[in-house]
Each structure stands twice: as structure tokens, then as C-alpha cells.
Amino acid sequence: MKSTKGATRYAKALLELAIEQNKLDTVEANMSYLIQVNNDVKEFHTLINSPVINADKKITAFAAIFPVFDGMTILFLNLIIKNKRESMLPEIAKSFIKQLKAHKGITPITIVSAVSLNEATKTAILAKVQTSVSGTLEVTEQIDPSLVGGFIIQLDDKQIDTSIASQFNNLKQRLTR
């Protein structure tokens, strides 16, 4: 919890700086790439979490790993490293992207269904969700055959579960009391 709060604060500071410097798109691309590298390269995760490697070597490594990053982003990363917070970088980058979407009025929504939804059904679901959300919806679709039927909508920290699997579980709980 503590590192999440710190990551949120650092991300907010970076967002405010990017807005002030008019570099939102550039910093967004940099943070997205940092997330991708963290997810794809196991050695990067080892680098940022290693207490043995000193800050100067990490700064040099970051310059080699991210040569196309904007100067402002590099200065920010160097500051994070000098403050010994580099293990928080993936969380900072994710928080930055989340805060940037909120700043732009974009609300991420995930629809999980047993099978791919047809356009009419998807449009009806999104129209219903749009009435309770301001801004633009950024839709991600996932397929999970274990749902049997129905769908789950995940919006921020809310979840609406209309899946048949969930209804079966609820029925099972009621019958076994």
C-alpha cells in the first residue's frame, strides 16, 4: 500500500510536469514503453530491484535501455533512481497512464464474455454504461469460456457480473446453507 501511494504521487508530479511542458503524448509513449520493457524483459526487473547495483550504474543502464526517451523523462527517471525508488517505476508508469486517461476524460472498461459479443449486444451494453460515466469509454474485450454465458463488466473498481457461472455459484451457496 505504501509503495502504491508513493507511485501515485510520483506519477501525479510527472503528469503535472508533462502538462506544464506540453509533452503529454511524449511522456505517455515513454511510460508505455517502460511498462512494456518491464513486462517483457526479466533482466530489467532484476536491474530495478537489485540493491547491489549502485545508482550511477543504473542511470547509465537506463540511458542505454531508453535512448529515445525525452530529456524530461530521463531527468525524472534519474531523480527516481537517485532517491532509491526505482523498484516503484513500473507502478509509477501504470499510475501515470491511469491518471493521464482520467485527465483526458477516458474511462477504461473491460467486458469479459464467454463468447465474442455481436455488435448489437456490445452497443447496447456500452450505451447502458455510458449513461453512468462521463467522458469517452476505452473498451477492452476478453473471452473467458468458463463464464458459460453472460458477461462481466469491469469499470474502475466496480464489477457487474451477469455470468451464468456466477449465477450457478450463487445458487450453489443458497442450496448448501
C-alpha atoms as a PDB file:
ATOM      1  CA  MET A   1       0.000   0.000   0.000  1.00  0.00           C
ATOM      2  CA  LYS A   2       2.785   2.404   0.903  1.00  0.00           C
ATOM      3  CA  SER A   3       4.566   1.969  -2.437  1.00  0.00           C
ATOM      4  CA  THR A   4       1.286   2.433  -4.311  1.00  0.00           C
ATOM      5  CA  LYS A   5       0.715   5.781  -2.621  1.00  0.00           C
ATOM      6  CA  GLY A   6       4.276   6.836  -3.414  1.00  0.00           C
ATOM      7  CA  ALA A   7       3.912   5.708  -7.017  1.00  0.00           C
ATOM      8  CA  THR A   8       0.685   7.684  -7.321  1.00  0.00           C
ATOM      9  CA  ARG A   9       2.379  10.817  -6.000  1.00  0.00           C
ATOM     10  CA  TYR A  10       5.353  10.481  -8.348  1.00  0.00           C
ATOM     11  CA  ALA A  11       3.007   9.804 -11.279  1.00  0.00           C
ATOM     12  CA  LYS A  12       0.941  12.884 -10.413  1.00  0.00           C
ATOM     13  CA  ALA A  13       4.073  15.026 -10.295  1.00  0.00           C
ATOM     14  CA  LEU A  14       5.183  13.662 -13.678  1.00  0.00           C
ATOM     15  CA  LEU A  15       1.733  14.294 -15.150  1.00  0.00           C
ATOM     16  CA  GLU A  16       1.706  17.884 -13.903  1.00  0.00           C
ATOM     17  CA  LEU A  17       5.196  18.442 -15.296  1.00  0.00           C
ATOM     18  CA  ALA A  18       4.226  16.906 -18.661  1.00  0.00           C
ATOM     19  CA  ILE A  19       1.162  19.175 -18.834  1.00  0.00           C
ATOM     20  CA  GLU A  20       3.262  22.213 -17.938  1.00  0.00           C
ATOM     21  CA  GLN A  21       5.931  21.319 -20.539  1.00  0.00           C
ATOM     22  CA  ASN A  22       3.275  20.356 -23.145  1.00  0.00           C
ATOM     23  CA  LYS A  23       4.774  16.859 -23.501  1.00  0.00           C
ATOM     24  CA  LEU A  24       1.824  14.634 -22.593  1.00  0.00           C
ATOM     25  CA  ASP A  25       1.987  12.407 -25.675  1.00  0.00           C
ATOM     26  CA  THR A  26       5.766  12.003 -25.475  1.00  0.00           C
ATOM     27  CA  VAL A  27       5.786  11.100 -21.786  1.00  0.00           C
ATOM     28  CA  GLU A  28       2.801   8.768 -22.308  1.00  0.00           C
ATOM     29  CA  ALA A  29       4.749   6.915 -25.020  1.00  0.00           C
ATOM     30  CA  ASN A  30       7.800   6.744 -22.742  1.00  0.00           C
ATOM     31  CA  MET A  31       5.826   5.349 -19.795  1.00  0.00           C
ATOM     32  CA  SER A  32       4.025   2.834 -22.022  1.00  0.00           C
ATOM     33  CA  TYR A  33       7.380   1.636 -23.344  1.00  0.00           C
ATOM     34  CA  LEU A  34       8.753   1.366 -19.805  1.00  0.00           C
ATOM     35  CA  ILE A  35       5.775  -0.831 -18.852  1.00  0.00           C
ATOM     36  CA  GLN A  36       6.364  -2.973 -21.945  1.00  0.00           C
ATOM     37  CA  VAL A  37      10.071  -3.413 -21.156  1.00  0.00           C
ATOM     38  CA  ASN A  38       9.246  -4.298 -17.552  1.00  0.00           C
ATOM     39  CA  ASN A  39       6.730  -6.923 -18.702  1.00  0.00           C
ATOM     40  CA  ASP A  40       8.892  -8.409 -21.473  1.00  0.00           C
ATOM     41  CA  VAL A  41      12.467  -8.259 -20.158  1.00  0.00           C
ATOM     42  CA  LYS A  42      13.167 -10.231 -16.983  1.00  0.00           C
ATOM     43  CA  GLU A  43      16.605  -8.640 -16.623  1.00  0.00           C
ATOM     44  CA  PHE A  44      15.054  -5.160 -16.385  1.00  0.00           C
ATOM     45  CA  HIS A  45      13.014  -6.273 -13.398  1.00  0.00           C
ATOM     46  CA  THR A  46      16.218  -7.627 -11.846  1.00  0.00           C
ATOM     47  CA  LEU A  47      18.040  -4.338 -12.552  1.00  0.00           C
ATOM     48  CA  ILE A  48      15.489  -2.098 -10.865  1.00  0.00           C
ATOM     49  CA  ASN A  49      15.204  -4.348  -7.821  1.00  0.00           C
ATOM     50  CA  SER A  50      18.923  -5.007  -7.295  1.00  0.00           C
ATOM     51  CA  PRO A  51      20.389  -3.384  -4.170  1.00  0.00           C
ATOM     52  CA  VAL A  52      23.901  -4.345  -5.340  1.00  0.00           C
ATOM     53  CA  ILE A  53      23.947  -2.140  -8.447  1.00  0.00           C
ATOM     54  CA  ASN A  54      24.602   1.479  -7.461  1.00  0.00           C
ATOM     55  CA  ALA A  55      22.578   4.457  -8.712  1.00  0.00           C
ATOM     56  CA  ASP A  56      25.220   5.686 -11.192  1.00  0.00           C
ATOM     57  CA  LYS A  57      25.333   2.309 -12.948  1.00  0.00           C
ATOM     58  CA  LYS A  58      21.532   2.165 -13.054  1.00  0.00           C
ATOM     59  CA  ILE A  59      21.395   5.658 -14.583  1.00  0.00           C
ATOM     60  CA  THR A  60      23.911   4.559 -17.226  1.00  0.00           C
ATOM     61  CA  ALA A  61      21.911   1.387 -17.884  1.00  0.00           C
ATOM     62  CA  PHE A  62      18.675   3.370 -18.236  1.00  0.00           C
ATOM     63  CA  ALA A  63      20.331   5.702 -20.751  1.00  0.00           C
ATOM     64  CA  ALA A  64      21.317   2.634 -22.798  1.00  0.00           C
ATOM     65  CA  ILE A  65      17.923   0.914 -22.460  1.00  0.00           C
ATOM     66  CA  PHE A  66      15.859   4.026 -23.238  1.00  0.00           C
ATOM     67  CA  PRO A  67      17.951   6.101 -25.683  1.00  0.00           C
ATOM     68  CA  VAL A  68      14.916   7.669 -27.368  1.00  0.00           C
ATOM     69  CA  PHE A  69      13.252   8.894 -24.177  1.00  0.00           C
ATOM     70  CA  ASP A  70      12.557  12.597 -23.888  1.00  0.00           C
ATOM     71  CA  GLY A  71      15.048  14.594 -21.801  1.00  0.00           C
ATOM     72  CA  MET A  72      12.408  15.440 -19.219  1.00  0.00           C
ATOM     73  CA  THR A  73      11.543  11.755 -18.786  1.00  0.00           C
ATOM     74  CA  ILE A  74      15.227  10.846 -18.418  1.00  0.00           C
ATOM     75  CA  LEU A  75      15.665  13.533 -15.735  1.00  0.00           C
ATOM     76  CA  PHE A  76      12.603  12.182 -13.939  1.00  0.00           C
ATOM     77  CA  LEU A  77      13.947   8.609 -14.078  1.00  0.00           C
ATOM     78  CA  ASN A  78      17.345   9.788 -12.806  1.00  0.00           C
ATOM     79  CA  LEU A  79      15.634  11.517  -9.876  1.00  0.00           C
ATOM     80  CA  ILE A  80      13.711   8.343  -9.043  1.00  0.00           C
ATOM     81  CA  ILE A  81      16.921   6.312  -9.159  1.00  0.00           C
ATOM     82  CA  LYS A  82      18.859   8.801  -7.011  1.00  0.00           C
ATOM     83  CA  ASN A  83      16.040   8.661  -4.437  1.00  0.00           C
ATOM     84  CA  LYS A  84      16.302   4.827  -4.459  1.00  0.00           C
ATOM     85  CA  ARG A  85      12.732   4.405  -5.698  1.00  0.00           C
ATOM     86  CA  GLU A  86      13.493   2.629  -8.987  1.00  0.00           C
ATOM     87  CA  SER A  87      11.664  -0.524  -7.863  1.00  0.00           C
ATOM     88  CA  MET A  88       8.489   1.602  -7.988  1.00  0.00           C
ATOM     89  CA  LEU A  89       8.978   2.582 -11.656  1.00  0.00           C
ATOM     90  CA  PRO A  90       6.534   0.060 -13.177  1.00  0.00           C
ATOM     91  CA  GLU A  91       3.872   1.125 -10.682  1.00  0.00           C
ATOM     92  CA  ILE A  92       4.649   4.809 -11.315  1.00  0.00           C
ATOM     93  CA  ALA A  93       4.300   4.271 -15.083  1.00  0.00           C
ATOM     94  CA  LYS A  94       0.971   2.441 -14.685  1.00  0.00           C
ATOM     95  CA  SER A  95      -0.329   5.125 -12.357  1.00  0.00           C
ATOM     96  CA  PHE A  96       0.778   7.832 -14.804  1.00  0.00           C
ATOM     97  CA  ILE A  97      -1.163   6.173 -17.653  1.00  0.00           C
ATOM     98  CA  LYS A  98      -4.234   5.813 -15.421  1.00  0.00           C
ATOM     99  CA  GLN A  99      -4.081   9.459 -14.294  1.00  0.00           C
ATOM    100  CA  LEU A 100      -3.490  10.648 -17.854  1.00  0.00           C
ATOM    101  CA  LYS A 101      -6.595   8.812 -19.043  1.00  0.00           C
ATOM    102  CA  ALA A 102      -8.596  10.427 -16.254  1.00  0.00           C
ATOM    103  CA  HIS A 103      -7.154  13.824 -17.255  1.00  0.00           C
ATOM    104  CA  LYS A 104      -8.230  13.240 -20.865  1.00  0.00           C
ATOM    105  CA  GLY A 105     -11.697  12.062 -19.801  1.00  0.00           C
ATOM    106  CA  ILE A 106     -11.134   8.454 -20.877  1.00  0.00           C
ATOM    107  CA  THR A 107     -12.718   5.706 -18.789  1.00  0.00           C
ATOM    108  CA  PRO A 108     -11.312   2.195 -19.287  1.00  0.00           C
ATOM    109  CA  ILE A 109     -13.902  -0.589 -19.297  1.00  0.00           C
ATOM    110  CA  THR A 110     -13.378  -4.323 -19.703  1.00  0.00           C
ATOM    111  CA  ILE A 111     -16.103  -6.637 -20.960  1.00  0.00           C
ATOM    112  CA  VAL A 112     -15.457 -10.317 -20.292  1.00  0.00           C
ATOM    113  CA  SER A 113     -17.784 -12.773 -22.009  1.00  0.00           C
ATOM    114  CA  ALA A 114     -17.942 -16.493 -22.719  1.00  0.00           C
ATOM    115  CA  VAL A 115     -18.005 -15.880 -26.482  1.00  0.00           C
ATOM    116  CA  SER A 116     -17.351 -12.885 -28.686  1.00  0.00           C
ATOM    117  CA  LEU A 117     -20.251 -10.433 -28.436  1.00  0.00           C
ATOM    118  CA  ASN A 118     -22.064  -9.289 -31.564  1.00  0.00           C
ATOM    119  CA  GLU A 119     -22.084  -5.575 -32.334  1.00  0.00           C
ATOM    120  CA  ALA A 120     -25.731  -5.031 -31.327  1.00  0.00           C
ATOM    121  CA  THR A 121     -25.171  -6.554 -27.874  1.00  0.00           C
ATOM    122  CA  LYS A 122     -21.919  -4.676 -27.368  1.00  0.00           C
ATOM    123  CA  THR A 123     -23.550  -1.388 -28.412  1.00  0.00           C
ATOM    124  CA  ALA A 124     -26.453  -1.958 -26.002  1.00  0.00           C
ATOM    125  CA  ILE A 125     -24.092  -2.709 -23.102  1.00  0.00           C
ATOM    126  CA  LEU A 126     -21.917   0.322 -23.834  1.00  0.00           C
ATOM    127  CA  ALA A 127     -24.962   2.609 -24.175  1.00  0.00           C
ATOM    128  CA  LYS A 128     -26.148   1.495 -20.733  1.00  0.00           C
ATOM    129  CA  VAL A 129     -22.693   2.003 -19.179  1.00  0.00           C
ATOM    130  CA  GLN A 130     -22.216   5.402 -20.893  1.00  0.00           C
ATOM    131  CA  THR A 131     -25.239   6.787 -19.025  1.00  0.00           C
ATOM    132  CA  SER A 132     -23.400   6.420 -15.701  1.00  0.00           C
ATOM    133  CA  VAL A 133     -19.984   7.577 -16.912  1.00  0.00           C
ATOM    134  CA  SER A 134     -18.818  10.935 -18.156  1.00  0.00           C
ATOM    135  CA  GLY A 135     -16.228  11.012 -20.901  1.00  0.00           C
ATOM    136  CA  THR A 136     -15.157   8.514 -23.509  1.00  0.00           C
ATOM    137  CA  LEU A 137     -15.135   4.764 -22.933  1.00  0.00           C
ATOM    138  CA  GLU A 138     -11.985   2.798 -23.773  1.00  0.00           C
ATOM    139  CA  VAL A 139     -13.275  -0.740 -24.287  1.00  0.00           C
ATOM    140  CA  THR A 140     -11.236  -3.905 -23.852  1.00  0.00           C
ATOM    141  CA  GLU A 141     -12.874  -7.221 -24.641  1.00  0.00           C
ATOM    142  CA  GLN A 142     -11.826 -10.554 -23.194  1.00  0.00           C
ATOM    143  CA  ILE A 143     -13.114 -14.062 -23.802  1.00  0.00           C
ATOM    144  CA  ASP A 144     -13.432 -16.465 -20.866  1.00  0.00           C
ATOM    145  CA  PRO A 145     -15.270 -19.707 -21.766  1.00  0.00           C
ATOM    146  CA  SER A 146     -15.556 -20.619 -18.067  1.00  0.00           C
ATOM    147  CA  LEU A 147     -18.315 -17.992 -17.725  1.00  0.00           C
ATOM    148  CA  VAL A 148     -20.611 -20.357 -19.696  1.00  0.00           C
ATOM    149  CA  GLY A 149     -22.774 -17.395 -20.766  1.00  0.00           C
ATOM    150  CA  GLY A 150     -23.490 -13.789 -19.882  1.00  0.00           C
ATOM    151  CA  PHE A 151     -20.757 -11.238 -19.247  1.00  0.00           C
ATOM    152  CA  ILE A 152     -18.771  -9.339 -16.633  1.00  0.00           C
ATOM    153  CA  ILE A 153     -18.203  -5.594 -16.854  1.00  0.00           C
ATOM    154  CA  GLN A 154     -15.203  -4.156 -15.009  1.00  0.00           C
ATOM    155  CA  LEU A 155     -15.212  -0.377 -14.638  1.00  0.00           C
ATOM    156  CA  ASP A 156     -12.661   1.226 -12.326  1.00  0.00           C
ATOM    157  CA  ASP A 157     -13.121  -0.604  -9.024  1.00  0.00           C
ATOM    158  CA  LYS A 158     -16.659  -1.761  -9.844  1.00  0.00           C
ATOM    159  CA  GLN A 159     -17.689  -5.071 -11.336  1.00  0.00           C
ATOM    160  CA  ILE A 160     -21.061  -6.132 -12.714  1.00  0.00           C
ATOM    161  CA  ASP A 161     -21.277  -9.909 -13.038  1.00  0.00           C
ATOM    162  CA  THR A 162     -24.178 -11.316 -15.065  1.00  0.00           C
ATOM    163  CA  SER A 163     -22.399 -14.539 -15.997  1.00  0.00           C
ATOM    164  CA  ILE A 164     -24.111 -17.904 -15.754  1.00  0.00           C
ATOM    165  CA  ALA A 165     -21.114 -19.262 -13.839  1.00  0.00           C
ATOM    166  CA  SER A 166     -21.688 -16.612 -11.165  1.00  0.00           C
ATOM    167  CA  GLN A 167     -25.404 -17.408 -11.032  1.00  0.00           C
ATOM    168  CA  PHE A 168     -24.580 -21.114 -10.612  1.00  0.00           C
ATOM    169  CA  ASN A 169     -22.211 -20.283  -7.746  1.00  0.00           C
ATOM    170  CA  ASN A 170     -24.839 -18.097  -6.066  1.00  0.00           C
ATOM    171  CA  LEU A 171     -27.433 -20.868  -6.406  1.00  0.00           C
ATOM    172  CA  LYS A 172     -24.962 -23.421  -5.020  1.00  0.00           C
ATOM    173  CA  GLN A 173     -24.296 -21.209  -1.984  1.00  0.00           C
ATOM    174  CA  ARG A 174     -28.007 -20.796  -1.302  1.00  0.00           C
ATOM    175  CA  LEU A 175     -28.675 -24.531  -1.588  1.00  0.00           C
ATOM    176  CA  THR A 176     -25.791 -25.574   0.645  1.00  0.00           C
ATOM    177  CA  ARG A 177     -26.627 -23.304   3.611  1.00  0.00           C
END
